[in-house]
C-alpha atoms as a PDB file:
ATOM      1  CA  UNK A   1       0.000   0.000   0.000  1.00  0.00           C
ATOM      2  CA  UNK A   2       1.219   3.478  -0.862  1.00  0.00           C
ATOM      3  CA  UNK A   3       0.961   6.483   1.444  1.00  0.00           C
ATOM      4  CA  UNK A   4      -2.097   7.576  -0.534  1.00  0.00           C
ATOM      5  CA  UNK A   5      -3.672   4.139  -0.038  1.00  0.00           C
ATOM      6  CA  UNK A   6      -3.153   4.379   3.711  1.00  0.00           C
ATOM      7  CA  UNK A   7      -4.682   7.849   3.750  1.00  0.00           C
ATOM      8  CA  UNK A   8      -7.736   6.542   1.897  1.00  0.00           C
ATOM      9  CA  UNK A   9      -8.012   3.606   4.298  1.00  0.00           C
ATOM     10  CA  UNK A  10      -7.780   5.957   7.283  1.00  0.00           C
ATOM     11  CA  UNK A  11     -10.628   8.014   5.861  1.00  0.00           C
ATOM     12  CA  UNK A  12     -12.771   4.949   5.197  1.00  0.00           C
ATOM     13  CA  UNK A  13     -12.270   3.659   8.721  1.00  0.00           C
ATOM     14  CA  UNK A  14     -13.174   7.035  10.191  1.00  0.00           C
ATOM     15  CA  UNK A  15     -16.302   7.480   8.095  1.00  0.00           C
ATOM     16  CA  UNK A  16     -17.606   3.913   8.498  1.00  0.00           C
ATOM     17  CA  UNK A  17     -17.025   3.127  12.166  1.00  0.00           C
ATOM     18  CA  UNK A  18     -20.324   1.239  12.432  1.00  0.00           C
ATOM     19  CA  UNK A  19     -19.475  -1.135   9.587  1.00  0.00           C
ATOM     20  CA  UNK A  20     -18.278  -4.498  10.981  1.00  0.00           C
ATOM     21  CA  UNK A  21     -16.036  -4.967   7.936  1.00  0.00           C
ATOM     22  CA  UNK A  22     -13.827  -2.049   8.978  1.00  0.00           C
ATOM     23  CA  UNK A  23     -11.829  -4.401  11.186  1.00  0.00           C
ATOM     24  CA  UNK A  24     -10.648  -6.287   8.101  1.00  0.00           C
ATOM     25  CA  UNK A  25      -9.405  -3.014   6.622  1.00  0.00           C
ATOM     26  CA  UNK A  26      -7.440  -2.229   9.780  1.00  0.00           C
ATOM     27  CA  UNK A  27      -5.872  -5.707   9.702  1.00  0.00           C
ATOM     28  CA  UNK A  28      -4.840  -5.228   6.065  1.00  0.00           C
ATOM     29  CA  UNK A  29      -3.284  -1.850   6.895  1.00  0.00           C
ATOM     30  CA  UNK A  30      -1.323  -3.234   9.826  1.00  0.00           C
ATOM     31  CA  UNK A  31       0.073  -6.064   7.710  1.00  0.00           C
ATOM     32  CA  UNK A  32       0.935  -3.623   4.943  1.00  0.00           C
ATOM     33  CA  UNK A  33       2.865  -1.502   7.447  1.00  0.00           C
ATOM     34  CA  UNK A  34       4.734  -4.627   8.547  1.00  0.00           C
ATOM     35  CA  UNK A  35       5.730  -5.406   4.972  1.00  0.00           C
ATOM     36  CA  UNK A  36       7.323  -1.946   4.857  1.00  0.00           C
ATOM     37  CA  UNK A  37       8.914  -2.418   8.320  1.00  0.00           C
ATOM     38  CA  UNK A  38       6.949   0.621   9.490  1.00  0.00           C
ATOM     39  CA  UNK A  39       6.630  -0.610  13.053  1.00  0.00           C
ATOM     40  CA  UNK A  40       5.620   2.698  14.619  1.00  0.00           C
ATOM     41  CA  UNK A  41       2.620   2.947  12.303  1.00  0.00           C
ATOM     42  CA  UNK A  42       1.697  -0.718  12.802  1.00  0.00           C
ATOM     43  CA  UNK A  43       1.783  -0.524  16.596  1.00  0.00           C
ATOM     44  CA  UNK A  44      -0.021   2.815  16.519  1.00  0.00           C
ATOM     45  CA  UNK A  45      -2.862   1.477  14.387  1.00  0.00           C
ATOM     46  CA  UNK A  46      -3.124  -1.655  16.529  1.00  0.00           C
ATOM     47  CA  UNK A  47      -3.672   0.486  19.624  1.00  0.00           C
ATOM     48  CA  UNK A  48      -5.964   2.922  17.826  1.00  0.00           C
ATOM     49  CA  UNK A  49      -8.302   0.195  16.590  1.00  0.00           C
ATOM     50  CA  UNK A  50      -8.184  -2.088  19.630  1.00  0.00           C
ATOM     51  CA  UNK A  51     -11.961  -1.881  19.997  1.00  0.00           C
ATOM     52  CA  UNK A  52     -12.755  -3.167  16.500  1.00  0.00           C
ATOM     53  CA  UNK A  53      -9.943  -5.734  16.213  1.00  0.00           C
ATOM     54  CA  UNK A  54     -11.241  -7.721  19.196  1.00  0.00           C
ATOM     55  CA  UNK A  55     -10.222 -11.377  18.869  1.00  0.00           C
ATOM     56  CA  UNK A  56      -7.651 -10.652  16.162  1.00  0.00           C
ATOM     57  CA  UNK A  57      -5.523  -8.464  18.403  1.00  0.00           C
ATOM     58  CA  UNK A  58      -3.463 -11.299  19.905  1.00  0.00           C
ATOM     59  CA  UNK A  59      -2.756 -12.744  16.463  1.00  0.00           C
ATOM     60  CA  UNK A  60      -1.660  -9.353  15.140  1.00  0.00           C
ATOM     61  CA  UNK A  61       0.510  -8.662  18.182  1.00  0.00           C
ATOM     62  CA  UNK A  62       2.254 -11.978  17.581  1.00  0.00           C
ATOM     63  CA  UNK A  63       2.844 -11.096  13.918  1.00  0.00           C
ATOM     64  CA  UNK A  64       4.237  -7.725  15.000  1.00  0.00           C
ATOM     65  CA  UNK A  65       6.544  -9.359  17.537  1.00  0.00           C
ATOM     66  CA  UNK A  66       7.922 -11.916  15.080  1.00  0.00           C
ATOM     67  CA  UNK A  67       8.492  -9.238  12.456  1.00  0.00           C
ATOM     68  CA  UNK A  68      10.179  -6.983  15.018  1.00  0.00           C
ATOM     69  CA  UNK A  69      12.518  -9.787  16.101  1.00  0.00           C
ATOM     70  CA  UNK A  70      13.569 -10.331  12.481  1.00  0.00           C
ATOM     71  CA  UNK A  71      13.493  -6.890  10.903  1.00  0.00           C
ATOM     72  CA  UNK A  72      13.475  -4.074  13.453  1.00  0.00           C
ATOM     73  CA  UNK A  73      16.594  -1.912  13.800  1.00  0.00           C
ATOM     74  CA  UNK A  74      18.780  -2.877  16.752  1.00  0.00           C
ATOM     75  CA  UNK A  75      18.144   0.156  18.951  1.00  0.00           C
ATOM     76  CA  UNK A  76      14.394   0.121  18.330  1.00  0.00           C
ATOM     77  CA  UNK A  77      14.239  -3.629  18.979  1.00  0.00           C
ATOM     78  CA  UNK A  78      16.051  -3.298  22.295  1.00  0.00           C
ATOM     79  CA  UNK A  79      13.778  -0.452  23.327  1.00  0.00           C
ATOM     80  CA  UNK A  80      10.794  -2.718  22.647  1.00  0.00           C
ATOM     81  CA  UNK A  81      12.346  -5.780  24.301  1.00  0.00           C
ATOM     82  CA  UNK A  82      13.037  -3.826  27.503  1.00  0.00           C
ATOM     83  CA  UNK A  83       9.604  -2.171  27.557  1.00  0.00           C
ATOM     84  CA  UNK A  84       7.792  -3.592  30.630  1.00  0.00           C
ATOM     85  CA  UNK A  85       4.401  -2.865  29.081  1.00  0.00           C
ATOM     86  CA  UNK A  86       5.068  -5.009  25.989  1.00  0.00           C
ATOM     87  CA  UNK A  87       3.954  -8.618  26.408  1.00  0.00           C
ATOM     88  CA  UNK A  88       4.758 -11.428  23.996  1.00  0.00           C
ATOM     89  CA  UNK A  89       1.784 -13.597  23.102  1.00  0.00           C
ATOM     90  CA  UNK A  90       3.339 -16.899  22.000  1.00  0.00           C
ATOM     91  CA  UNK A  91       6.249 -19.212  22.684  1.00  0.00           C
ATOM     92  CA  UNK A  92       7.461 -18.683  19.118  1.00  0.00           C
ATOM     93  CA  UNK A  93       7.716 -14.937  19.721  1.00  0.00           C
ATOM     94  CA  UNK A  94       9.515 -15.490  23.033  1.00  0.00           C
ATOM     95  CA  UNK A  95      12.116 -17.651  21.339  1.00  0.00           C
ATOM     96  CA  UNK A  96      12.607 -15.145  18.505  1.00  0.00           C
ATOM     97  CA  UNK A  97      13.094 -12.277  20.968  1.00  0.00           C
ATOM     98  CA  UNK A  98      15.410 -14.310  23.193  1.00  0.00           C
ATOM     99  CA  UNK A  99      17.623 -15.358  20.276  1.00  0.00           C
ATOM    100  CA  UNK A 100      17.976 -11.774  19.066  1.00  0.00           C
ATOM    101  CA  UNK A 101      18.684 -10.475  22.569  1.00  0.00           C
ATOM    102  CA  UNK A 102      21.486 -13.022  22.916  1.00  0.00           C
ATOM    103  CA  UNK A 103      22.898 -12.069  19.517  1.00  0.00           C
ATOM    104  CA  UNK A 104      22.897  -8.394  20.526  1.00  0.00           C
ATOM    105  CA  UNK A 105      24.728  -9.097  23.784  1.00  0.00           C
ATOM    106  CA  UNK A 106      21.855  -9.031  26.287  1.00  0.00           C
ATOM    107  CA  UNK A 107      21.736 -12.639  27.559  1.00  0.00           C
ATOM    108  CA  UNK A 108      20.470 -11.657  31.011  1.00  0.00           C
ATOM    109  CA  UNK A 109      17.353 -10.110  29.501  1.00  0.00           C
ATOM    110  CA  UNK A 110      16.907 -13.221  27.358  1.00  0.00           C
ATOM    111  CA  UNK A 111      17.137 -15.392  30.482  1.00  0.00           C
ATOM    112  CA  UNK A 112      14.431 -13.354  32.205  1.00  0.00           C
ATOM    113  CA  UNK A 113      12.221 -13.682  29.148  1.00  0.00           C
ATOM    114  CA  UNK A 114      12.745 -17.445  28.879  1.00  0.00           C
ATOM    115  CA  UNK A 115      11.992 -18.100  32.555  1.00  0.00           C
ATOM    116  CA  UNK A 116       9.106 -15.672  33.078  1.00  0.00           C
ATOM    117  CA  UNK A 117       6.383 -18.218  32.227  1.00  0.00           C
ATOM    118  CA  UNK A 118       7.053 -21.543  33.989  1.00  0.00           C
ATOM    119  CA  UNK A 119       3.645 -22.758  32.875  1.00  0.00           C
ATOM    120  CA  UNK A 120       4.935 -22.764  29.277  1.00  0.00           C
ATOM    121  CA  UNK A 121       7.204 -25.695  30.121  1.00  0.00           C
ATOM    122  CA  UNK A 122      10.784 -26.289  29.015  1.00  0.00           C
ATOM    123  CA  UNK A 123      11.008 -27.875  25.615  1.00  0.00           C
ATOM    124  CA  UNK A 124      14.302 -28.535  23.865  1.00  0.00           C
ATOM    125  CA  UNK A 125      14.397 -25.170  22.101  1.00  0.00           C
ATOM    126  CA  UNK A 126      13.842 -23.242  25.335  1.00  0.00           C
ATOM    127  CA  UNK A 127      16.545 -25.255  27.101  1.00  0.00           C
ATOM    128  CA  UNK A 128      19.029 -24.662  24.278  1.00  0.00           C
ATOM    129  CA  UNK A 129      18.315 -20.930  24.245  1.00  0.00           C
ATOM    130  CA  UNK A 130      18.668 -20.757  28.022  1.00  0.00           C
ATOM    131  CA  UNK A 131      21.975 -22.611  27.842  1.00  0.00           C
ATOM    132  CA  UNK A 132      23.191 -20.209  25.151  1.00  0.00           C
ATOM    133  CA  UNK A 133      22.189 -17.252  27.322  1.00  0.00           C
ATOM    134  CA  UNK A 134      23.961 -18.713  30.350  1.00  0.00           C
ATOM    135  CA  UNK A 135      27.117 -19.268  28.302  1.00  0.00           C
ATOM    136  CA  UNK A 136      27.013 -15.698  27.021  1.00  0.00           C
ATOM    137  CA  UNK A 137      26.650 -14.558  30.650  1.00  0.00           C
ATOM    138  CA  UNK A 138      29.684 -16.585  31.696  1.00  0.00           C
ATOM    139  CA  UNK A 139      27.714 -19.262  33.586  1.00  0.00           C
ATOM    140  CA  UNK A 140      28.837 -22.637  32.169  1.00  0.00           C
ATOM    141  CA  UNK A 141      27.561 -24.546  35.208  1.00  0.00           C
ATOM    142  CA  UNK A 142      24.037 -23.216  34.728  1.00  0.00           C
ATOM    143  CA  UNK A 143      24.260 -24.020  31.024  1.00  0.00           C
ATOM    144  CA  UNK A 144      25.177 -27.649  31.720  1.00  0.00           C
ATOM    145  CA  UNK A 145      22.420 -27.909  34.326  1.00  0.00           C
ATOM    146  CA  UNK A 146      19.673 -26.674  32.004  1.00  0.00           C
ATOM    147  CA  UNK A 147      20.876 -29.068  29.287  1.00  0.00           C
ATOM    148  CA  UNK A 148      20.609 -32.131  31.523  1.00  0.00           C
ATOM    149  CA  UNK A 149      18.752 -34.846  29.656  1.00  0.00           C
ATOM    150  CA  UNK A 150      18.649 -32.892  26.379  1.00  0.00           C
ATOM    151  CA  UNK A 151      19.847 -34.862  23.345  1.00  0.00           C
ATOM    152  CA  UNK A 152      20.926 -33.701  19.915  1.00  0.00           C
ATOM    153  CA  UNK A 153      23.841 -32.079  18.108  1.00  0.00           C
ATOM    154  CA  UNK A 154      23.056 -28.545  19.270  1.00  0.00           C
ATOM    155  CA  UNK A 155      22.907 -29.598  22.909  1.00  0.00           C
ATOM    156  CA  UNK A 156      26.225 -31.425  22.560  1.00  0.00           C
ATOM    157  CA  UNK A 157      27.863 -28.360  21.011  1.00  0.00           C
ATOM    158  CA  UNK A 158      26.589 -26.245  23.886  1.00  0.00           C
ATOM    159  CA  UNK A 159      27.994 -28.711  26.427  1.00  0.00           C
ATOM    160  CA  UNK A 160      31.382 -28.560  24.720  1.00  0.00           C
ATOM    161  CA  UNK A 161      31.227 -24.763  24.805  1.00  0.00           C
ATOM    162  CA  UNK A 162      30.404 -24.932  28.526  1.00  0.00           C
ATOM    163  CA  UNK A 163      33.431 -27.167  29.124  1.00  0.00           C
ATOM    164  CA  UNK A 164      35.677 -24.769  27.201  1.00  0.00           C
ATOM    165  CA  UNK A 165      34.310 -21.797  29.133  1.00  0.00           C
ATOM    166  CA  UNK A 166      34.842 -23.558  32.460  1.00  0.00           C
ATOM    167  CA  UNK A 167      38.451 -24.249  31.546  1.00  0.00           C
ATOM    168  CA  UNK A 168      38.959 -20.637  30.528  1.00  0.00           C
ATOM    169  CA  UNK A 169      37.344 -19.374  33.733  1.00  0.00           C
ATOM    170  CA  UNK A 170      39.746 -21.451  35.801  1.00  0.00           C
ATOM    171  CA  UNK A 171      42.739 -19.961  33.997  1.00  0.00           C
ATOM    172  CA  UNK A 172      41.332 -16.461  34.468  1.00  0.00           C
ATOM    173  CA  UNK A 173      40.721 -17.118  38.155  1.00  0.00           C
ATOM    174  CA  UNK A 174      44.307 -18.261  38.628  1.00  0.00           C
ATOM    175  CA  UNK A 175      45.659 -15.137  36.942  1.00  0.00           C
ATOM    176  CA  UNK A 176      43.205 -12.459  38.086  1.00  0.00           C
ATOM    177  CA  UNK A 177      44.124  -9.775  40.623  1.00  0.00           C
ATOM    178  CA  UNK A 178      42.425  -6.638  41.884  1.00  0.00           C
ATOM    179  CA  UNK A 179      38.760  -5.674  41.790  1.00  0.00           C
ATOM    180  CA  UNK A 180      36.162  -6.879  39.326  1.00  0.00           C
ATOM    181  CA  UNK A 181      36.113  -4.778  36.168  1.00  0.00           C
ATOM    182  CA  UNK A 182      32.963  -2.935  35.013  1.00  0.00           C
ATOM    183  CA  UNK A 183      32.684  -5.073  31.870  1.00  0.00           C
ATOM    184  CA  UNK A 184      32.484  -8.205  34.023  1.00  0.00           C
ATOM    185  CA  UNK A 185      29.891  -6.568  36.268  1.00  0.00           C
ATOM    186  CA  UNK A 186      27.906  -5.703  33.145  1.00  0.00           C
ATOM    187  CA  UNK A 187      27.976  -9.298  31.877  1.00  0.00           C
ATOM    188  CA  UNK A 188      26.555 -10.653  35.125  1.00  0.00           C
ATOM    189  CA  UNK A 189      23.955  -7.883  35.436  1.00  0.00           C
ATOM    190  CA  UNK A 190      25.328  -6.227  38.593  1.00  0.00           C
ATOM    191  CA  UNK A 191      23.288  -3.065  38.026  1.00  0.00           C
ATOM    192  CA  UNK A 192      23.488  -1.691  41.572  1.00  0.00           C
ATOM    193  CA  UNK A 193      27.273  -2.048  41.616  1.00  0.00           C
ATOM    194  CA  UNK A 194      27.611  -0.375  38.225  1.00  0.00           C
ATOM    195  CA  UNK A 195      25.739   2.676  39.525  1.00  0.00           C
ATOM    196  CA  UNK A 196      28.952   3.416  41.446  1.00  0.00           C
ATOM    197  CA  UNK A 197      31.203   2.741  38.450  1.00  0.00           C
ATOM    198  CA  UNK A 198      33.544   5.301  36.913  1.00  0.00           C
ATOM    199  CA  UNK A 199      32.359   4.087  33.502  1.00  0.00           C
ATOM    200  CA  UNK A 200      29.750   6.722  32.655  1.00  0.00           C
ATOM    201  CA  UNK A 201      28.142   4.677  29.870  1.00  0.00           C
ATOM    202  CA  UNK A 202      27.582   1.587  32.011  1.00  0.00           C
ATOM    203  CA  UNK A 203      26.501   3.797  34.895  1.00  0.00           C
ATOM    204  CA  UNK A 204      23.836   5.401  32.695  1.00  0.00           C
ATOM    205  CA  UNK A 205      22.706   2.008  31.396  1.00  0.00           C
ATOM    206  CA  UNK A 206      22.408   0.628  34.930  1.00  0.00           C
ATOM    207  CA  UNK A 207      20.399   3.655  35.988  1.00  0.00           C
ATOM    208  CA  UNK A 208      18.017   3.048  33.076  1.00  0.00           C
ATOM    209  CA  UNK A 209      17.668  -0.652  33.966  1.00  0.00           C
ATOM    210  CA  UNK A 210      16.862   0.181  37.587  1.00  0.00           C
ATOM    211  CA  UNK A 211      14.315   2.825  36.604  1.00  0.00           C
ATOM    212  CA  UNK A 212      11.039   0.930  36.213  1.00  0.00           C
ATOM    213  CA  UNK A 213       8.843   4.026  36.063  1.00  0.00           C
ATOM    214  CA  UNK A 214       6.559   4.200  33.030  1.00  0.00           C
ATOM    215  CA  UNK A 215       6.202   7.700  31.638  1.00  0.00           C
ATOM    216  CA  UNK A 216       2.727   8.337  30.294  1.00  0.00           C
ATOM    217  CA  UNK A 217       1.118  11.136  28.327  1.00  0.00           C
ATOM    218  CA  UNK A 218      -0.442  13.835  30.516  1.00  0.00           C
ATOM    219  CA  UNK A 219      -3.883  14.697  29.153  1.00  0.00           C
ATOM    220  CA  UNK A 220      -3.739  18.048  30.926  1.00  0.00           C
ATOM    221  CA  UNK A 221      -0.459  19.081  29.294  1.00  0.00           C
ATOM    222  CA  UNK A 222      -0.226  16.971  26.131  1.00  0.00           C
ATOM    223  CA  UNK A 223       2.361  19.118  24.340  1.00  0.00           C
ATOM    224  CA  UNK A 224       4.785  19.334  27.250  1.00  0.00           C
ATOM    225  CA  UNK A 225       4.443  15.683  28.233  1.00  0.00           C
ATOM    226  CA  UNK A 226       4.665  14.608  24.598  1.00  0.00           C
ATOM    227  CA  UNK A 227       7.890  16.564  24.263  1.00  0.00           C
ATOM    228  CA  UNK A 228       9.223  14.885  27.420  1.00  0.00           C
ATOM    229  CA  UNK A 229       8.317  11.456  26.048  1.00  0.00           C
ATOM    230  CA  UNK A 230      10.091  12.218  22.772  1.00  0.00           C
ATOM    231  CA  UNK A 231      13.203  13.425  24.613  1.00  0.00           C
ATOM    232  CA  UNK A 232      13.197  10.332  26.832  1.00  0.00           C
ATOM    233  CA  UNK A 233      12.889   8.058  23.799  1.00  0.00           C
ATOM    234  CA  UNK A 234      15.755   9.905  22.108  1.00  0.00           C
ATOM    235  CA  UNK A 235      17.991   9.481  25.166  1.00  0.00           C
ATOM    236  CA  UNK A 236      17.162   5.790  25.328  1.00  0.00           C
ATOM    237  CA  UNK A 237      18.010   5.284  21.661  1.00  0.00           C
ATOM    238  CA  UNK A 238      21.318   7.159  22.073  1.00  0.00           C
ATOM    239  CA  UNK A 239      22.165   4.990  25.075  1.00  0.00           C
ATOM    240  CA  UNK A 240      21.363   1.762  23.230  1.00  0.00           C
ATOM    241  CA  UNK A 241      23.381   2.875  20.197  1.00  0.00           C
ATOM    242  CA  UNK A 242      26.374   3.579  22.447  1.00  0.00           C
ATOM    243  CA  UNK A 243      26.065   0.166  24.120  1.00  0.00           C
ATOM    244  CA  UNK A 244      25.894  -1.595  20.762  1.00  0.00           C
ATOM    245  CA  UNK A 245      29.049   0.242  19.694  1.00  0.00           C
ATOM    246  CA  UNK A 246      30.839  -0.732  22.915  1.00  0.00           C
ATOM    247  CA  UNK A 247      29.941  -4.418  22.997  1.00  0.00           C
ATOM    248  CA  UNK A 248      30.530  -6.455  19.896  1.00  0.00           C
ATOM    249  CA  UNK A 249      27.829  -8.898  18.831  1.00  0.00           C
ATOM    250  CA  UNK A 250      28.952 -12.413  19.836  1.00  0.00           C
ATOM    251  CA  UNK A 251      29.469 -15.092  17.241  1.00  0.00           C
ATOM    252  CA  UNK A 252      26.544 -17.552  17.179  1.00  0.00           C
ATOM    253  CA  UNK A 253      27.264 -20.954  18.669  1.00  0.00           C
END
């Protein structure tokens, strides 16, 4: 759909709110936005038409999540993945998000995602992703534990990687002196400790992780609060860009 097509569809939806077929038009628009990787427009339309999408909302949210995991820019994806208000609807979406988080160097967030729904069970794919996240976090023992009883080539490769990491950790332990470095604190998610770090980038990132407040639009002062939201989003994107520059994406196992 072209921009003109979307404008026409917007007009039709506005002028025919009582028509039950309008929901199908909204669905088509959302999927067209996804084809163009226009995630802001897709999410915006999904929220705008929540009342007419009804039972299709979960399906569309899952499509949005899978597309975001595959096609969204790194900084925007991380902003979404760390958004406490965004909930993944399916196991498939969880796995896609977890894999991308690990690839981008955020295994701790992937671990939280993979263990947040115990009722979903632990199939082979979840166990392998968890093991990969533990390895990326420097926890070979946890990786071996989660792989207990799992068969297959991928599981065996992960066990070998855990053995190699354990051997390397022992050498590092024998040679290490002094205090733990900020990069190591970052890998194990020591956010409170990093707040006291001399590394300003990691200090800012830890502050953002510890800040769970959700900024909302103030209906009484929409312009001012909207400007604040835009500035906050800009700061978050700048921070994520800086982190991605600092930490190289790990090679996939």
